[in-house]
PDB file of N, CA and C in Angstrom:
ATOM      1  N   UNK A   1      90.842  71.961 -40.796  1.00  0.00           N
ATOM      2  CA  UNK A   1      91.521  72.047 -42.030  1.00  0.00           C
ATOM      3  C   UNK A   1      90.924  70.923 -42.818  1.00  0.00           C
ATOM      4  N   UNK A   2      90.402  71.231 -44.000  1.00  0.00           N
ATOM      5  CA  UNK A   2      89.796  70.102 -44.843  1.00  0.00           C
ATOM      6  C   UNK A   2      90.815  69.705 -45.992  1.00  0.00           C
ATOM      7  N   UNK A   3      91.685  70.694 -46.459  1.00  0.00           N
ATOM      8  CA  UNK A   3      92.565  70.308 -47.575  1.00  0.00           C
ATOM      9  C   UNK A   3      93.926  71.009 -47.125  1.00  0.00           C
ATOM     10  N   UNK A   4      95.031  70.350 -47.643  1.00  0.00           N
ATOM     11  CA  UNK A   4      96.323  70.862 -47.473  1.00  0.00           C
ATOM     12  C   UNK A   4      97.120  70.489 -48.700  1.00  0.00           C
ATOM     13  N   UNK A   5      97.820  71.618 -49.201  1.00  0.00           N
ATOM     14  CA  UNK A   5      98.629  71.486 -50.294  1.00  0.00           C
ATOM     15  C   UNK A   5     100.133  71.704 -50.079  1.00  0.00           C
ATOM     16  N   UNK A   6     100.887  70.863 -50.618  1.00  0.00           N
ATOM     17  CA  UNK A   6     102.421  71.060 -50.501  1.00  0.00           C
ATOM     18  C   UNK A   6     103.064  70.449 -51.689  1.00  0.00           C
ATOM     19  N   UNK A   7     103.941  71.250 -52.294  1.00  0.00           N
ATOM     20  CA  UNK A   7     104.651  70.872 -53.467  1.00  0.00           C
ATOM     21  C   UNK A   7     103.516  70.839 -54.573  1.00  0.00           C
ATOM     22  N   UNK A   8     103.461  69.684 -55.365  1.00  0.00           N
ATOM     23  CA  UNK A   8     102.437  69.395 -56.260  1.00  0.00           C
ATOM     24  C   UNK A   8     101.418  68.485 -55.811  1.00  0.00           C
ATOM     25  N   UNK A   9     101.301  68.422 -54.552  1.00  0.00           N
ATOM     26  CA  UNK A   9     100.299  67.413 -53.930  1.00  0.00           C
ATOM     27  C   UNK A   9      99.147  68.178 -53.224  1.00  0.00           C
ATOM     28  N   UNK A  10      98.060  67.571 -52.997  1.00  0.00           N
ATOM     29  CA  UNK A  10      96.929  68.097 -52.458  1.00  0.00           C
ATOM     30  C   UNK A  10      96.294  66.928 -51.649  1.00  0.00           C
ATOM     31  N   UNK A  11      95.996  67.252 -50.242  1.00  0.00           N
ATOM     32  CA  UNK A  11      95.468  66.135 -49.404  1.00  0.00           C
ATOM     33  C   UNK A  11      94.074  66.730 -49.065  1.00  0.00           C
ATOM     34  N   UNK A  12      93.105  65.821 -49.161  1.00  0.00           N
ATOM     35  CA  UNK A  12      91.665  66.054 -48.784  1.00  0.00           C
ATOM     36  C   UNK A  12      91.469  65.215 -47.608  1.00  0.00           C
ATOM     37  N   UNK A  13      91.329  65.805 -46.392  1.00  0.00           N
ATOM     38  CA  UNK A  13      91.202  65.087 -45.217  1.00  0.00           C
ATOM     39  C   UNK A  13      89.768  64.474 -45.043  1.00  0.00           C
ATOM     40  N   UNK A  14      88.790  65.283 -45.662  1.00  0.00           N
ATOM     41  CA  UNK A  14      87.370  64.703 -45.411  1.00  0.00           C
ATOM     42  C   UNK A  14      87.341  63.567 -46.385  1.00  0.00           C
ATOM     43  N   UNK A  15      87.847  63.409 -47.658  1.00  0.00           N
ATOM     44  CA  UNK A  15      87.647  62.201 -48.396  1.00  0.00           C
ATOM     45  C   UNK A  15      88.717  61.236 -48.147  1.00  0.00           C
ATOM     46  N   UNK A  16      89.822  61.540 -47.460  1.00  0.00           N
ATOM     47  CA  UNK A  16      90.993  60.759 -47.275  1.00  0.00           C
ATOM     48  C   UNK A  16      91.675  60.436 -48.759  1.00  0.00           C
ATOM     49  N   UNK A  17      91.697  61.564 -49.546  1.00  0.00           N
ATOM     50  CA  UNK A  17      92.365  61.251 -50.851  1.00  0.00           C
ATOM     51  C   UNK A  17      93.494  62.282 -51.039  1.00  0.00           C
ATOM     52  N   UNK A  18      94.494  61.767 -51.768  1.00  0.00           N
ATOM     53  CA  UNK A  18      95.649  62.566 -52.117  1.00  0.00           C
ATOM     54  C   UNK A  18      95.910  62.587 -53.570  1.00  0.00           C
ATOM     55  N   UNK A  19      96.089  63.786 -54.115  1.00  0.00           N
ATOM     56  CA  UNK A  19      96.443  63.778 -55.518  1.00  0.00           C
ATOM     57  C   UNK A  19      97.756  64.532 -55.710  1.00  0.00           C
ATOM     58  N   UNK A  20      98.328  64.202 -56.899  1.00  0.00           N
ATOM     59  CA  UNK A  20      99.648  64.691 -57.119  1.00  0.00           C
ATOM     60  C   UNK A  20      99.562  65.320 -58.601  1.00  0.00           C
ATOM     61  N   UNK A  21      99.688  66.548 -58.835  1.00  0.00           N
ATOM     62  CA  UNK A  21      99.475  67.143 -60.106  1.00  0.00           C
ATOM     63  C   UNK A  21      98.057  66.799 -60.762  1.00  0.00           C
ATOM     64  N   UNK A  22      97.091  66.635 -59.938  1.00  0.00           N
ATOM     65  CA  UNK A  22      95.686  66.426 -60.273  1.00  0.00           C
ATOM     66  C   UNK A  22      95.390  65.063 -60.451  1.00  0.00           C
ATOM     67  N   UNK A  23      96.432  64.082 -60.239  1.00  0.00           N
ATOM     68  CA  UNK A  23      96.152  62.612 -60.381  1.00  0.00           C
ATOM     69  C   UNK A  23      96.205  61.950 -58.969  1.00  0.00           C
ATOM     70  N   UNK A  24      95.147  61.255 -58.966  1.00  0.00           N
ATOM     71  CA  UNK A  24      94.967  60.501 -57.585  1.00  0.00           C
ATOM     72  C   UNK A  24      96.157  59.602 -57.281  1.00  0.00           C
ATOM     73  N   UNK A  25      96.546  59.615 -55.866  1.00  0.00           N
ATOM     74  CA  UNK A  25      97.530  58.861 -55.508  1.00  0.00           C
ATOM     75  C   UNK A  25      96.986  57.806 -54.485  1.00  0.00           C
ATOM     76  N   UNK A  26      97.248  56.464 -54.638  1.00  0.00           N
ATOM     77  CA  UNK A  26      96.685  55.487 -53.807  1.00  0.00           C
ATOM     78  C   UNK A  26      97.586  55.286 -52.550  1.00  0.00           C
ATOM     79  N   UNK A  27      97.037  55.652 -51.474  1.00  0.00           N
ATOM     80  CA  UNK A  27      97.711  55.530 -50.150  1.00  0.00           C
ATOM     81  C   UNK A  27      97.047  54.555 -49.330  1.00  0.00           C
ATOM     82  N   UNK A  28      97.652  53.698 -48.495  1.00  0.00           N
ATOM     83  CA  UNK A  28      97.047  52.799 -47.613  1.00  0.00           C
ATOM     84  C   UNK A  28      96.437  53.708 -46.451  1.00  0.00           C
ATOM     85  N   UNK A  29      95.603  53.114 -45.731  1.00  0.00           N
ATOM     86  CA  UNK A  29      94.934  53.755 -44.528  1.00  0.00           C
ATOM     87  C   UNK A  29      96.151  54.192 -43.646  1.00  0.00           C
ATOM     88  N   UNK A  30      97.118  53.477 -43.391  1.00  0.00           N
ATOM     89  CA  UNK A  30      98.306  53.783 -42.509  1.00  0.00           C
ATOM     90  C   UNK A  30      99.071  54.896 -43.114  1.00  0.00           C
ATOM     91  N   UNK A  31      99.491  54.767 -44.416  1.00  0.00           N
ATOM     92  CA  UNK A  31     100.193  55.820 -45.105  1.00  0.00           C
ATOM     93  C   UNK A  31      99.476  57.211 -44.881  1.00  0.00           C
ATOM     94  N   UNK A  32      98.052  57.181 -45.111  1.00  0.00           N
ATOM     95  CA  UNK A  32      97.373  58.359 -45.030  1.00  0.00           C
ATOM     96  C   UNK A  32      97.495  58.896 -43.549  1.00  0.00           C
ATOM     97  N   UNK A  33      97.346  58.024 -42.536  1.00  0.00           N
ATOM     98  CA  UNK A  33      97.547  58.436 -41.120  1.00  0.00           C
ATOM     99  C   UNK A  33      98.880  59.050 -40.942  1.00  0.00           C
ATOM    100  N   UNK A  34      99.899  58.350 -41.448  1.00  0.00           N
ATOM    101  CA  UNK A  34     101.301  58.979 -41.342  1.00  0.00           C
ATOM    102  C   UNK A  34     101.354  60.274 -41.958  1.00  0.00           C
ATOM    103  N   UNK A  35     100.784  60.528 -43.080  1.00  0.00           N
ATOM    104  CA  UNK A  35     100.843  61.758 -43.719  1.00  0.00           C
ATOM    105  C   UNK A  35     100.204  62.799 -42.983  1.00  0.00           C
ATOM    106  N   UNK A  36      98.972  62.513 -42.607  1.00  0.00           N
ATOM    107  CA  UNK A  36      98.258  63.465 -41.649  1.00  0.00           C
ATOM    108  C   UNK A  36      99.141  63.844 -40.387  1.00  0.00           C
ATOM    109  N   UNK A  37      99.652  62.952 -39.801  1.00  0.00           N
ATOM    110  CA  UNK A  37     100.534  63.214 -38.512  1.00  0.00           C
ATOM    111  C   UNK A  37     101.697  64.082 -38.873  1.00  0.00           C
ATOM    112  N   UNK A  38     102.288  63.877 -40.086  1.00  0.00           N
ATOM    113  CA  UNK A  38     103.432  64.784 -40.502  1.00  0.00           C
ATOM    114  C   UNK A  38     102.880  66.176 -40.734  1.00  0.00           C
ATOM    115  N   UNK A  39     101.621  66.290 -41.331  1.00  0.00           N
ATOM    116  CA  UNK A  39     101.201  67.609 -41.662  1.00  0.00           C
ATOM    117  C   UNK A  39     100.838  68.353 -40.458  1.00  0.00           C
ATOM    118  N   UNK A  40     100.142  67.611 -39.526  1.00  0.00           N
ATOM    119  CA  UNK A  40      99.793  68.150 -38.165  1.00  0.00           C
ATOM    120  C   UNK A  40     100.859  68.652 -37.387  1.00  0.00           C
ATOM    121  N   UNK A  41     102.011  67.993 -37.614  1.00  0.00           N
ATOM    122  CA  UNK A  41     103.340  68.324 -36.817  1.00  0.00           C
ATOM    123  C   UNK A  41     104.374  69.060 -37.757  1.00  0.00           C
ATOM    124  N   UNK A  42     103.976  69.620 -38.881  1.00  0.00           N
ATOM    125  CA  UNK A  42     104.888  70.116 -39.848  1.00  0.00           C
ATOM    126  C   UNK A  42     105.836  71.166 -39.124  1.00  0.00           C
ATOM    127  N   UNK A  43     107.134  70.950 -39.539  1.00  0.00           N
ATOM    128  CA  UNK A  43     108.131  71.708 -38.970  1.00  0.00           C
ATOM    129  C   UNK A  43     108.787  71.175 -37.647  1.00  0.00           C
ATOM    130  N   UNK A  44     108.089  70.268 -37.036  1.00  0.00           N
ATOM    131  CA  UNK A  44     108.655  69.625 -35.813  1.00  0.00           C
ATOM    132  C   UNK A  44     109.481  68.403 -36.215  1.00  0.00           C
ATOM    133  N   UNK A  45     110.608  68.338 -35.445  1.00  0.00           N
ATOM    134  CA  UNK A  45     111.461  67.082 -35.485  1.00  0.00           C
ATOM    135  C   UNK A  45     110.803  66.001 -34.649  1.00  0.00           C
ATOM    136  N   UNK A  46     110.450  64.922 -35.306  1.00  0.00           N
ATOM    137  CA  UNK A  46     109.639  63.779 -34.737  1.00  0.00           C
ATOM    138  C   UNK A  46     110.510  62.624 -34.704  1.00  0.00           C
ATOM    139  N   UNK A  47     110.512  62.119 -33.400  1.00  0.00           N
ATOM    140  CA  UNK A  47     111.381  60.808 -33.257  1.00  0.00           C
ATOM    141  C   UNK A  47     110.577  59.656 -33.796  1.00  0.00           C
ATOM    142  N   UNK A  48     111.105  58.575 -34.016  1.00  0.00           N
ATOM    143  CA  UNK A  48     110.382  57.269 -34.548  1.00  0.00           C
ATOM    144  C   UNK A  48     109.413  56.981 -33.539  1.00  0.00           C
ATOM    145  N   UNK A  49     109.881  57.029 -32.085  1.00  0.00           N
ATOM    146  CA  UNK A  49     109.001  56.589 -31.071  1.00  0.00           C
ATOM    147  C   UNK A  49     107.762  57.378 -30.915  1.00  0.00           C
ATOM    148  N   UNK A  50     107.968  58.793 -31.256  1.00  0.00           N
ATOM    149  CA  UNK A  50     106.697  59.820 -31.252  1.00  0.00           C
ATOM    150  C   UNK A  50     105.904  59.316 -32.344  1.00  0.00           C
ATOM    151  N   UNK A  51     106.326  59.100 -33.559  1.00  0.00           N
ATOM    152  CA  UNK A  51     105.613  58.610 -34.609  1.00  0.00           C
ATOM    153  C   UNK A  51     104.749  57.468 -34.421  1.00  0.00           C
ATOM    154  N   UNK A  52     105.431  56.358 -33.945  1.00  0.00           N
ATOM    155  CA  UNK A  52     104.877  55.193 -33.611  1.00  0.00           C
ATOM    156  C   UNK A  52     103.732  55.243 -32.461  1.00  0.00           C
ATOM    157  N   UNK A  53     103.927  56.122 -31.498  1.00  0.00           N
ATOM    158  CA  UNK A  53     102.810  56.355 -30.462  1.00  0.00           C
ATOM    159  C   UNK A  53     101.664  57.105 -31.180  1.00  0.00           C
ATOM    160  N   UNK A  54     101.917  58.249 -31.987  1.00  0.00           N
ATOM    161  CA  UNK A  54     100.966  59.002 -32.607  1.00  0.00           C
ATOM    162  C   UNK A  54     100.266  58.406 -33.646  1.00  0.00           C
ATOM    163  N   UNK A  55     100.812  57.568 -34.440  1.00  0.00           N
ATOM    164  CA  UNK A  55     100.053  56.986 -35.598  1.00  0.00           C
ATOM    165  C   UNK A  55      99.578  55.547 -35.373  1.00  0.00           C
ATOM    166  N   UNK A  56     100.657  54.732 -34.680  1.00  0.00           N
ATOM    167  CA  UNK A  56     100.092  53.368 -34.516  1.00  0.00           C
ATOM    168  C   UNK A  56      99.612  53.154 -33.150  1.00  0.00           C
ATOM    169  N   UNK A  57      99.756  54.121 -32.236  1.00  0.00           N
ATOM    170  CA  UNK A  57      99.282  54.022 -30.859  1.00  0.00           C
ATOM    171  C   UNK A  57      99.960  53.198 -29.918  1.00  0.00           C
ATOM    172  N   UNK A  58     101.080  52.911 -29.998  1.00  0.00           N
ATOM    173  CA  UNK A  58     101.933  52.149 -29.079  1.00  0.00           C
ATOM    174  C   UNK A  58     103.301  52.529 -29.185  1.00  0.00           C
ATOM    175  N   UNK A  59     104.069  52.209 -28.200  1.00  0.00           N
ATOM    176  CA  UNK A  59     105.608  52.241 -28.101  1.00  0.00           C
ATOM    177  C   UNK A  59     106.170  51.082 -28.631  1.00  0.00           C
ATOM    178  N   UNK A  60     107.145  51.027 -29.415  1.00  0.00           N
ATOM    179  CA  UNK A  60     107.791  49.851 -30.044  1.00  0.00           C
ATOM    180  C   UNK A  60     109.235  49.869 -29.752  1.00  0.00           C
ATOM    181  N   UNK A  61     109.873  48.808 -30.027  1.00  0.00           N
ATOM    182  CA  UNK A  61     111.307  48.610 -29.986  1.00  0.00           C
ATOM    183  C   UNK A  61     112.061  49.704 -30.787  1.00  0.00           C
ATOM    184  N   UNK A  62     112.933  50.275 -30.176  1.00  0.00           N
ATOM    185  CA  UNK A  62     113.735  51.388 -31.035  1.00  0.00           C
ATOM    186  C   UNK A  62     114.332  50.969 -32.148  1.00  0.00           C
ATOM    187  N   UNK A  63     114.637  49.530 -32.448  1.00  0.00           N
ATOM    188  CA  UNK A  63     115.254  49.108 -33.559  1.00  0.00           C
ATOM    189  C   UNK A  63     114.281  48.837 -34.754  1.00  0.00           C
ATOM    190  N   UNK A  64     112.915  49.114 -34.583  1.00  0.00           N
ATOM    191  CA  UNK A  64     111.980  48.845 -35.538  1.00  0.00           C
ATOM    192  C   UNK A  64     112.141  49.764 -36.805  1.00  0.00           C
ATOM    193  N   UNK A  65     111.954  49.077 -37.904  1.00  0.00           N
ATOM    194  CA  UNK A  65     112.021  49.799 -39.206  1.00  0.00           C
ATOM    195  C   UNK A  65     110.768  50.148 -39.782  1.00  0.00           C
ATOM    196  N   UNK A  66     109.585  49.953 -39.121  1.00  0.00           N
ATOM    197  CA  UNK A  66     108.385  50.113 -39.536  1.00  0.00           C
ATOM    198  C   UNK A  66     108.118  51.609 -39.974  1.00  0.00           C
ATOM    199  N   UNK A  67     108.585  52.562 -39.370  1.00  0.00           N
ATOM    200  CA  UNK A  67     108.460  53.899 -39.724  1.00  0.00           C
ATOM    201  C   UNK A  67     109.305  54.272 -40.960  1.00  0.00           C
ATOM    202  N   UNK A  68     110.612  53.764 -41.083  1.00  0.00           N
ATOM    203  CA  UNK A  68     111.436  53.949 -42.167  1.00  0.00           C
ATOM    204  C   UNK A  68     110.737  53.415 -43.477  1.00  0.00           C
ATOM    205  N   UNK A  69     110.194  52.240 -43.265  1.00  0.00           N
ATOM    206  CA  UNK A  69     109.468  51.599 -44.523  1.00  0.00           C
ATOM    207  C   UNK A  69     108.405  52.487 -44.999  1.00  0.00           C
ATOM    208  N   UNK A  70     107.463  52.819 -44.093  1.00  0.00           N
ATOM    209  CA  UNK A  70     106.365  53.762 -44.391  1.00  0.00           C
ATOM    210  C   UNK A  70     106.765  55.158 -44.953  1.00  0.00           C
ATOM    211  N   UNK A  71     107.697  55.660 -44.425  1.00  0.00           N
ATOM    212  CA  UNK A  71     108.160  56.805 -44.942  1.00  0.00           C
ATOM    213  C   UNK A  71     108.820  56.739 -46.391  1.00  0.00           C
ATOM    214  N   UNK A  72     109.527  55.571 -46.625  1.00  0.00           N
ATOM    215  CA  UNK A  72     109.861  55.422 -47.965  1.00  0.00           C
ATOM    216  C   UNK A  72     108.745  55.274 -48.996  1.00  0.00           C
ATOM    217  N   UNK A  73     107.694  54.577 -48.645  1.00  0.00           N
ATOM    218  CA  UNK A  73     106.679  54.403 -49.537  1.00  0.00           C
ATOM    219  C   UNK A  73     106.029  55.781 -49.806  1.00  0.00           C
ATOM    220  N   UNK A  74     105.825  56.686 -48.699  1.00  0.00           N
ATOM    221  CA  UNK A  74     105.240  57.975 -48.827  1.00  0.00           C
ATOM    222  C   UNK A  74     106.095  58.713 -49.813  1.00  0.00           C
ATOM    223  N   UNK A  75     107.357  58.652 -49.697  1.00  0.00           N
ATOM    224  CA  UNK A  75     108.451  59.417 -50.478  1.00  0.00           C
ATOM    225  C   UNK A  75     108.225  59.002 -52.006  1.00  0.00           C
ATOM    226  N   UNK A  76     108.170  57.763 -52.199  1.00  0.00           N
ATOM    227  CA  UNK A  76     108.040  57.145 -53.487  1.00  0.00           C
ATOM    228  C   UNK A  76     106.728  57.662 -54.113  1.00  0.00           C
ATOM    229  N   UNK A  77     105.692  57.950 -53.463  1.00  0.00           N
ATOM    230  CA  UNK A  77     104.500  58.359 -53.991  1.00  0.00           C
ATOM    231  C   UNK A  77     104.214  59.832 -54.099  1.00  0.00           C
ATOM    232  N   UNK A  78     104.926  60.599 -53.133  1.00  0.00           N
ATOM    233  CA  UNK A  78     104.569  62.053 -53.069  1.00  0.00           C
ATOM    234  C   UNK A  78     105.849  63.015 -53.395  1.00  0.00           C
ATOM    235  N   UNK A  79     107.009  62.543 -53.351  1.00  0.00           N
ATOM    236  CA  UNK A  79     108.154  63.340 -53.653  1.00  0.00           C
ATOM    237  C   UNK A  79     108.409  63.289 -55.213  1.00  0.00           C
ATOM    238  N   UNK A  80     108.763  64.481 -55.666  1.00  0.00           N
ATOM    239  CA  UNK A  80     109.191  64.562 -57.149  1.00  0.00           C
ATOM    240  C   UNK A  80     110.381  63.660 -57.341  1.00  0.00           C
ATOM    241  N   UNK A  81     111.431  63.713 -56.420  1.00  0.00           N
ATOM    242  CA  UNK A  81     112.614  62.847 -56.554  1.00  0.00           C
ATOM    243  C   UNK A  81     112.784  62.205 -55.241  1.00  0.00           C
ATOM    244  N   UNK A  82     112.238  60.982 -55.001  1.00  0.00           N
ATOM    245  CA  UNK A  82     112.298  60.258 -53.533  1.00  0.00           C
ATOM    246  C   UNK A  82     113.545  60.169 -53.178  1.00  0.00           C
ATOM    247  N   UNK A  83     114.723  60.108 -54.025  1.00  0.00           N
ATOM    248  CA  UNK A  83     116.067  59.917 -53.512  1.00  0.00           C
ATOM    249  C   UNK A  83     116.511  61.272 -52.906  1.00  0.00           C
ATOM    250  N   UNK A  84     115.949  62.302 -53.239  1.00  0.00           N
ATOM    251  CA  UNK A  84     116.225  63.694 -52.616  1.00  0.00           C
ATOM    252  C   UNK A  84     115.048  64.336 -52.260  1.00  0.00           C
ATOM    253  N   UNK A  85     114.332  63.982 -51.092  1.00  0.00           N
ATOM    254  CA  UNK A  85     113.158  64.504 -50.762  1.00  0.00           C
ATOM    255  C   UNK A  85     113.137  66.022 -50.237  1.00  0.00           C
ATOM    256  N   UNK A  86     112.053  66.590 -50.635  1.00  0.00           N
ATOM    257  CA  UNK A  86     111.895  68.034 -50.137  1.00  0.00           C
ATOM    258  C   UNK A  86     110.985  68.260 -49.093  1.00  0.00           C
ATOM    259  N   UNK A  87     110.067  67.249 -48.853  1.00  0.00           N
ATOM    260  CA  UNK A  87     108.985  67.532 -47.920  1.00  0.00           C
ATOM    261  C   UNK A  87     109.252  66.532 -46.626  1.00  0.00           C
ATOM    262  N   UNK A  88     109.484  65.301 -46.807  1.00  0.00           N
ATOM    263  CA  UNK A  88     109.777  64.362 -45.784  1.00  0.00           C
ATOM    264  C   UNK A  88     111.102  64.185 -45.621  1.00  0.00           C
ATOM    265  N   UNK A  89     111.726  64.961 -44.546  1.00  0.00           N
ATOM    266  CA  UNK A  89     113.180  64.957 -44.440  1.00  0.00           C
ATOM    267  C   UNK A  89     113.660  64.061 -43.384  1.00  0.00           C
ATOM    268  N   UNK A  90     114.677  63.490 -43.598  1.00  0.00           N
ATOM    269  CA  UNK A  90     115.417  62.628 -42.446  1.00  0.00           C
ATOM    270  C   UNK A  90     116.196  63.490 -41.520  1.00  0.00           C
ATOM    271  N   UNK A  91     116.008  63.466 -40.305  1.00  0.00           N
ATOM    272  CA  UNK A  91     116.955  64.116 -39.321  1.00  0.00           C
ATOM    273  C   UNK A  91     117.795  63.004 -38.673  1.00  0.00           C
ATOM    274  N   UNK A  92     118.890  62.731 -39.190  1.00  0.00           N
ATOM    275  CA  UNK A  92     119.806  61.605 -38.728  1.00  0.00           C
ATOM    276  C   UNK A  92     120.031  61.541 -37.341  1.00  0.00           C
ATOM    277  N   UNK A  93     119.887  60.218 -36.857  1.00  0.00           N
ATOM    278  CA  UNK A  93     119.955  60.041 -35.413  1.00  0.00           C
ATOM    279  C   UNK A  93     118.822  60.261 -34.582  1.00  0.00           C
ATOM    280  N   UNK A  94     117.673  60.954 -35.193  1.00  0.00           N
ATOM    281  CA  UNK A  94     116.553  61.421 -34.383  1.00  0.00           C
ATOM    282  C   UNK A  94     115.284  60.870 -35.023  1.00  0.00           C
ATOM    283  N   UNK A  95     115.021  61.232 -36.420  1.00  0.00           N
ATOM    284  CA  UNK A  95     113.700  60.781 -36.993  1.00  0.00           C
ATOM    285  C   UNK A  95     113.503  61.568 -38.194  1.00  0.00           C
ATOM    286  N   UNK A  96     112.430  62.333 -38.146  1.00  0.00           N
ATOM    287  CA  UNK A  96     111.872  63.011 -39.425  1.00  0.00           C
ATOM    288  C   UNK A  96     111.322  64.228 -39.176  1.00  0.00           C
ATOM    289  N   UNK A  97     111.237  65.159 -40.164  1.00  0.00           N
ATOM    290  CA  UNK A  97     110.542  66.415 -40.199  1.00  0.00           C
ATOM    291  C   UNK A  97     109.887  66.592 -41.401  1.00  0.00           C
ATOM    292  N   UNK A  98     108.557  67.112 -41.432  1.00  0.00           N
ATOM    293  CA  UNK A  98     107.993  67.328 -42.539  1.00  0.00           C
ATOM    294  C   UNK A  98     107.989  68.852 -42.895  1.00  0.00           C
ATOM    295  N   UNK A  99     108.289  69.183 -44.085  1.00  0.00           N
ATOM    296  CA  UNK A  99     108.284  70.542 -44.520  1.00  0.00           C
ATOM    297  C   UNK A  99     107.292  70.821 -45.637  1.00  0.00           C
ATOM    298  N   UNK A 100     106.278  71.466 -45.387  1.00  0.00           N
ATOM    299  CA  UNK A 100     105.365  71.588 -46.505  1.00  0.00           C
ATOM    300  C   UNK A 100     104.540  72.947 -46.379  1.00  0.00           C
TER     301      UNK A 100
END
């Protein structure tokens, strides 16, 4: 898959670029990796530990807020209303699910 569209966003995996409504969105390399992981596992409920292992490549303390912080940044950049996300959903007590 070279490109993926969800909502008003388009992800180009080859160039590692994301645009929203045709305007380029600046993502850090880690944010892009996290978004790619979500897209590759869309519809699945992913625990924070699964995400840490899949994106960062290691297991971390269960109390870490690393994932939550990066998800917040992604939501602010990609969700139309980051307070009421439609694509990166919180599954309370478990982790996250990407719907796109």
